[in-house]
Amino acid sequence: MGDDIQDCCVLPEAIEARTLEIDSDRRAYSRRFIHSGEVIIRNLPTAHALLDEHQRERCSRCLSTTRRQSNSNDKNSLLRCGGCKQAWYCSRECQRLDFSLHKVECKEAPILLSLNDGHGSSNSKLLVRNFLALRLKNGKVNNNNCCQYCYGNDLRPRDVTIQCGKNHFEKLIQYGNGPLEDQETIDIRRAAQALWNQRKVLNKILMPEIDNYDDDADTETVVINDRSELEDQLERDMRRFRVNNFGVTDSLVRVIGGAVYPLGALLNHSCSPNCLVRYDLSSESSSQCHEPPVMELIAAQDIPIGEELTHSYIELVSSKKSRISNLKQMYGFDCFCPRCCRKKKANSDRTSLKDIGSNHKNDDFKIRLPNNYGSLSPTKLTRWILHNYNPAISNATMTNSTKGTSYLTSFDQDIIFKSLNENDPAIIEAIKVKQQQAKFFMMNGDLEDELSSLKEVVQILKQLTSASGEDQLPLSLELYQARCDRLGSLIVAGGQDNTKEALIECEHIVSFLCLALKHFPNHSLLGLQLFTLGDLYDSNRKSDEAQKTYVWARKNLQISQGRESEMVMLLNEKIVG
């Protein structure tokens, strides 16, 4: 962001924006101690757009999946736009509020919503919606281009939720001077064509002082007057999208849409962040019923005064090589966060068992296992991890669980992301073949053979971990991913035997995540897998383990998704007492 963002944007009292270099590198810092789970920022989008595959199941404005204020017995039957028949709404109120942004989509549906290949583009829709949203408010010209506070109430203070304006958006940094991707260029042209086709109607709204607008009107006073200039403006917007936009996710952390949150873009990236991003989707009990999804920036841990606020732009459960490559390709910068730039010490060392819960920065990227980890079976090691990395377990209980082992061995966290098969083309090919077979069987509804192929992939990778030498733990990213694939199919298959197998796989998956996210234990991915693990314990009649796991999952999801979120409410019903 530019140096003058603070001139056009209000900031919550907990945040201080500092410029480290003139006109660039603007960062956010804490003004005070911020508690874990505290909401730091709530930012309404300037615009948002559903992905095509979700447009029939969610309201185009508030993203709700449930029909509101309906006398129909079918509460899940959304209202369809009678014009384009390509947008759905939970209520007439949401449809009315969304119309000023939907009107161009509605008239230009063949360009934006139903293309020849059967798929629209969320980016082309988002370009149009953002262009209009920055210039309109409630269907009329918006003369306030500054950011402002909104939606204050007892639960969410007025100085936390912010709506950003045009001035802020246009000061967002843009993706460099390099060429855009082909699809991005296509999206710009589609958006420009749609807006150009509707320029007469839009100019009458955007410039109400011009009477009887026609193509001969003074071009200097008209908002949309030159097709080439319009495309240039949309390209600048697209370049801002590229490095600043967010993918809105649901309770299962599936991306359901794209949105523009200018204030959320204030935070820099870190592979070891102290904040996380979540989305408050509109619901019947929500304070922003009928409003767009609000992005919430949450403290993922206690944050002392003066510390920079960061969140992760990419998937954290990945290798350093993959993270650096993705950041360079997607955002155009090299990562210099503590996790990527730390100096590695000796591979392992002995550590007192009581230090396993240490929060010292030097220990953030170390994982700890018992000294005798090499003599433990994968199942026993997995259950040791589940027991000792549960935040509810006390040190005394940990000592008992190790049967007299008083010391741990520490490893660099990156060891579990080390590739097992990068130097063995034959093994790589064997795994690919089995994975392709599994996909083929899935597409043909052959669940039994699909499970057989996925099991073989797991077996190959298990053998690799056991044959990788003393410097390799019986854990790997490839094995974790293979177990995730198999777990999903086992759950779909159902049945007593498959449920038992699913429990074993899920235990391995959660234990891997405990180590992979040791520096960021409130990641929602871990919370969701813990929820699944609790259900599998319950299905296998292990009620004590289920209850402990549900409590652990709730502790995570209360932060990563919110105390009033759907998943936390479901856990509240499952937890006894």
Foldseek 3Di string as FASTA:
>chain_A
DFPCLVVFAAAFPQWDWDDPDHGDDIFIFGQFWDAFLDFRAKEAFLFKAFFQVCQQQAAGFQRDRFAPPDPDPRRRHWDADPQQSQGTHNDVLLVQQCCLLCVLCSVLVCLAPQDPVRGGDQLLSRLSSSVRSQQDDSLAGDPRQGKAFDLADPVRHRSHYMYHHDVLLLSFDFFDPDDDDPVLLSSLVSSLVSCVVCQVVVQCRRPVVDPPDDLPPDQVRTPDNDSVVSSVVSVRSSRSCLAAKDFAAALLRDRGIIGGGSVVSNHAAALLFQKEKHWDRADPPDSQHSHYIIITIGGLRTHGGGDTGHYHPDDSLAALVVSQVCCCVRNNDGDDHCLNPPDDDPFKDKDFLQCQPPPDPVCLQKHKFFPVLVVDDLLLRLVLLVQSLQPVHHSVNNCVSVPNGGIIMIGGLNLQADDLPPPPVVLVVLLVVLCVQLVVCVVVVNLVSNLVSLVVSLVSLQVSQNPVDDSHHSHHPSNLVSLVVNLVSLVVVDDDVSLVVNLSSLSSNLSNCCSSCVSRLLALVSLVSLQVNLVSCVVVVNNVSSQSSLVSSLVSCCSNHNCPGPSNVVSVVVHDD
